[in-house]
Protein backbone atom coordinates (compact mmCIF):
# COMPACT_ATOMS: atom_id res chain seq x y z
CA UNK A 1 -26.20 -61.89 -150.03
CA UNK A 2 -25.59 -60.89 -146.42
CA UNK A 3 -22.30 -59.94 -144.82
CA UNK A 4 -22.48 -63.20 -142.88
CA UNK A 5 -22.83 -65.19 -146.10
CA UNK A 6 -19.81 -63.40 -147.56
CA UNK A 7 -17.80 -64.09 -144.40
CA UNK A 8 -18.63 -67.80 -144.64
CA UNK A 9 -17.03 -67.90 -148.11
CA UNK A 10 -13.69 -67.23 -146.35
CA UNK A 11 -12.48 -65.11 -149.26
CA UNK A 12 -11.42 -62.26 -146.97
CA UNK A 13 -9.91 -61.76 -143.52
CA UNK A 14 -12.09 -59.98 -141.00
CA UNK A 15 -10.50 -56.79 -139.71
CA UNK A 16 -13.60 -55.59 -137.89
CA UNK A 17 -16.78 -57.69 -137.78
CA UNK A 18 -19.16 -54.73 -137.62
CA UNK A 19 -22.52 -54.73 -135.91
CA UNK A 20 -24.95 -56.14 -138.49
CA UNK A 21 -23.85 -59.36 -140.15
CA UNK A 22 -27.36 -59.83 -141.56
CA UNK A 23 -27.04 -56.64 -143.59
CA UNK A 24 -27.51 -57.19 -147.31
CA UNK A 25 -24.78 -56.55 -149.86
CA UNK A 26 -26.45 -55.51 -153.11
CA UNK A 27 -23.49 -54.50 -155.25
CA UNK A 28 -19.80 -53.74 -155.46
CA UNK A 29 -18.10 -50.36 -155.73
CA UNK A 30 -14.40 -49.71 -156.39
CA UNK A 31 -12.88 -46.30 -155.74
CA UNK A 32 -9.85 -44.86 -153.96
CA UNK A 33 -10.74 -41.19 -154.23
CA UNK A 34 -12.74 -40.52 -151.09
CA UNK A 35 -14.60 -37.48 -152.43
CA UNK A 36 -15.94 -39.56 -155.31
CA UNK A 37 -16.77 -42.51 -153.08
CA UNK A 38 -18.66 -40.19 -150.74
CA UNK A 39 -20.96 -39.06 -153.54
CA UNK A 40 -21.20 -42.19 -155.69
CA UNK A 41 -20.84 -45.30 -153.53
CA UNK A 42 -24.27 -46.95 -153.50
CA UNK A 43 -25.82 -47.71 -150.13
CA UNK A 44 -25.54 -51.40 -149.22
CA UNK A 45 -22.55 -52.06 -151.48
CA UNK A 46 -19.25 -53.74 -150.69
CA UNK A 47 -16.72 -50.96 -151.18
CA UNK A 48 -13.31 -52.20 -152.33
CA UNK A 49 -10.45 -49.75 -151.75
CA UNK A 50 -6.81 -49.35 -150.81
CA UNK A 51 -7.40 -46.31 -148.60
CA UNK A 52 -6.74 -47.40 -145.03
CA UNK A 53 -7.21 -44.26 -143.01
CA UNK A 54 -9.89 -42.91 -140.71
CA UNK A 55 -11.48 -40.90 -143.54
CA UNK A 56 -12.35 -44.18 -145.27
CA UNK A 57 -14.45 -45.19 -142.28
CA UNK A 58 -16.13 -41.77 -142.25
CA UNK A 59 -17.01 -42.08 -145.94
CA UNK A 60 -18.24 -45.66 -145.44
CA UNK A 61 -20.59 -44.40 -142.74
CA UNK A 62 -21.78 -41.40 -144.76
CA UNK A 63 -22.36 -43.47 -147.90
CA UNK A 64 -24.03 -46.23 -145.84
CA UNK A 65 -22.04 -49.04 -147.47
CA UNK A 66 -22.51 -52.58 -146.15
CA UNK A 67 -18.81 -53.23 -145.74
CA UNK A 68 -15.36 -52.05 -146.71
CA UNK A 69 -12.87 -54.44 -148.30
CA UNK A 70 -9.23 -53.41 -148.01
CA UNK A 71 -7.41 -54.76 -151.10
CA UNK A 72 -3.75 -55.16 -152.09
CA UNK A 73 -2.72 -56.13 -148.54
CA UNK A 74 -3.44 -52.61 -147.27
CA UNK A 75 -4.23 -52.40 -143.58
CA UNK A 76 -6.26 -49.90 -141.62
CA UNK A 77 -4.17 -47.63 -139.47
CA UNK A 78 -4.88 -47.81 -135.72
CA UNK A 79 -7.09 -44.72 -135.71
CA UNK A 80 -9.19 -46.12 -138.56
CA UNK A 81 -9.43 -49.52 -136.89
CA UNK A 82 -10.66 -47.91 -133.67
CA UNK A 83 -13.19 -45.79 -135.58
CA UNK A 84 -14.48 -48.83 -137.50
CA UNK A 85 -15.08 -50.59 -134.19
CA UNK A 86 -16.71 -47.50 -132.68
CA UNK A 87 -18.97 -46.98 -135.73
CA UNK A 88 -19.77 -50.68 -136.20
CA UNK A 89 -18.39 -50.74 -139.76
CA UNK A 90 -17.57 -54.16 -141.17
CA UNK A 91 -14.05 -54.14 -142.62
CA UNK A 92 -12.56 -57.07 -144.52
CA UNK A 93 -9.12 -57.46 -146.08
CA UNK A 94 -7.38 -59.34 -148.88
CA UNK A 95 -4.04 -59.50 -150.64
CA UNK A 96 -5.86 -59.50 -153.98
CA UNK A 97 -5.85 -56.47 -156.28
CA UNK A 98 -8.95 -54.28 -156.22
CA UNK A 99 -10.36 -55.69 -159.48
CA UNK A 100 -10.03 -59.33 -158.46
CA UNK A 101 -11.51 -58.71 -155.01
CA UNK A 102 -14.47 -56.87 -156.53
CA UNK A 103 -14.92 -59.52 -159.21
CA UNK A 104 -15.03 -62.28 -156.59
CA UNK A 105 -17.73 -60.43 -154.66
CA UNK A 106 -19.64 -59.76 -157.87
CA UNK A 107 -19.56 -63.46 -158.77
CA UNK A 108 -20.86 -64.40 -155.34
CA UNK A 109 -23.66 -61.85 -155.67
CA UNK A 110 -24.57 -63.24 -159.10
CA UNK A 111 -24.63 -66.82 -157.83
CA UNK A 112 -26.79 -65.71 -154.89
CA UNK A 113 -29.21 -64.04 -157.30
CA UNK A 114 -28.67 -60.49 -156.06
């Protein structure tokens, strides 16, 4: 499934559209400890987190995730929002808890045959 296909599901609000909506999402990763996410987030995953600071965007770039999903109604701070735009990182948001947000993405991946 691509980022564009996920966006069309209208499950999440778009915080920053990113640069590559045709990028594939191949899995889901949930983690709020940035040092773990940096070493274990798979490339091309949708990373679901509640960490809304600039370091989240740095880790997303280093780990080469497809997109970041901010759960629990958490918002990026202004510095993080500016960095996401600068780096071209797709950031989505939801009021859902981390587990439910990740499960919804997982179900969409399964139905898309990923």
